[in-house]
């Protein structure tokens, strides 16, 4: 279980890094970051059997 949570966390960090590298304006990057963080939190909660 711990490995799955760690992998999910690392994937979220990697996606946030890649979003930061995209050539977009600041507002679009901020929206993309918020979406990625929300998806990551929901994924972690599902993995921890909260939902």
C-alpha atoms as a PDB file:
ATOM      1  CA  UNK A   1       0.000   0.000   0.000  1.00  0.00           C
ATOM      2  CA  UNK A   2       2.805   2.394   0.890  1.00  0.00           C
ATOM      3  CA  UNK A   3       4.501   1.794  -2.456  1.00  0.00           C
ATOM      4  CA  UNK A   4       1.326   2.699  -4.338  1.00  0.00           C
ATOM      5  CA  UNK A   5       0.928   5.933  -2.393  1.00  0.00           C
ATOM      6  CA  UNK A   6       4.576   6.801  -3.027  1.00  0.00           C
ATOM      7  CA  UNK A   7       4.259   6.099  -6.762  1.00  0.00           C
ATOM      8  CA  UNK A   8       1.115   8.240  -6.979  1.00  0.00           C
ATOM      9  CA  UNK A   9       2.861  11.070  -5.144  1.00  0.00           C
ATOM     10  CA  UNK A  10       5.892  10.874  -7.456  1.00  0.00           C
ATOM     11  CA  UNK A  11       3.689  10.861 -10.562  1.00  0.00           C
ATOM     12  CA  UNK A  12       1.872  13.987  -9.351  1.00  0.00           C
ATOM     13  CA  UNK A  13       5.200  15.739  -8.733  1.00  0.00           C
ATOM     14  CA  UNK A  14       6.476  14.700 -12.173  1.00  0.00           C
ATOM     15  CA  UNK A  15       3.323  15.970 -13.898  1.00  0.00           C
ATOM     16  CA  UNK A  16       3.534  19.269 -11.993  1.00  0.00           C
ATOM     17  CA  UNK A  17       7.147  19.639 -13.140  1.00  0.00           C
ATOM     18  CA  UNK A  18       6.170  18.927 -16.753  1.00  0.00           C
ATOM     19  CA  UNK A  19       3.297  21.416 -16.574  1.00  0.00           C
ATOM     20  CA  UNK A  20       5.745  24.005 -15.299  1.00  0.00           C
ATOM     21  CA  UNK A  21       7.974  23.386 -18.343  1.00  0.00           C
ATOM     22  CA  UNK A  22       5.155  23.938 -20.859  1.00  0.00           C
ATOM     23  CA  UNK A  23       5.231  27.197 -22.823  1.00  0.00           C
ATOM     24  CA  UNK A  24       1.908  28.588 -21.581  1.00  0.00           C
ATOM     25  CA  UNK A  25       0.913  31.815 -19.887  1.00  0.00           C
ATOM     26  CA  UNK A  26       0.795  32.004 -16.095  1.00  0.00           C
ATOM     27  CA  UNK A  27      -2.965  31.711 -15.735  1.00  0.00           C
ATOM     28  CA  UNK A  28      -3.149  28.501 -17.794  1.00  0.00           C
ATOM     29  CA  UNK A  29      -0.262  26.979 -15.829  1.00  0.00           C
ATOM     30  CA  UNK A  30      -1.999  27.814 -12.564  1.00  0.00           C
ATOM     31  CA  UNK A  31      -5.236  26.179 -13.720  1.00  0.00           C
ATOM     32  CA  UNK A  32      -3.326  23.093 -14.909  1.00  0.00           C
ATOM     33  CA  UNK A  33      -1.496  22.848 -11.567  1.00  0.00           C
ATOM     34  CA  UNK A  34      -4.755  23.031  -9.613  1.00  0.00           C
ATOM     35  CA  UNK A  35      -6.337  20.322 -11.775  1.00  0.00           C
ATOM     36  CA  UNK A  36      -3.312  18.037 -11.366  1.00  0.00           C
ATOM     37  CA  UNK A  37      -3.268  18.542  -7.588  1.00  0.00           C
ATOM     38  CA  UNK A  38      -7.009  17.820  -7.290  1.00  0.00           C
ATOM     39  CA  UNK A  39      -6.680  14.659  -9.389  1.00  0.00           C
ATOM     40  CA  UNK A  40      -3.693  13.577  -7.292  1.00  0.00           C
ATOM     41  CA  UNK A  41      -5.543  14.104  -4.013  1.00  0.00           C
ATOM     42  CA  UNK A  42      -8.590  12.197  -5.255  1.00  0.00           C
ATOM     43  CA  UNK A  43      -6.342   9.389  -6.469  1.00  0.00           C
ATOM     44  CA  UNK A  44      -4.589   9.158  -3.107  1.00  0.00           C
ATOM     45  CA  UNK A  45      -7.899   9.158  -1.254  1.00  0.00           C
ATOM     46  CA  UNK A  46      -9.228   6.379  -3.475  1.00  0.00           C
ATOM     47  CA  UNK A  47      -6.036   4.393  -2.947  1.00  0.00           C
ATOM     48  CA  UNK A  48      -6.331   4.808   0.819  1.00  0.00           C
ATOM     49  CA  UNK A  49      -9.951   3.556   0.586  1.00  0.00           C
ATOM     50  CA  UNK A  50     -11.495   6.790   1.836  1.00  0.00           C
ATOM     51  CA  UNK A  51     -14.018   6.846  -1.019  1.00  0.00           C
END
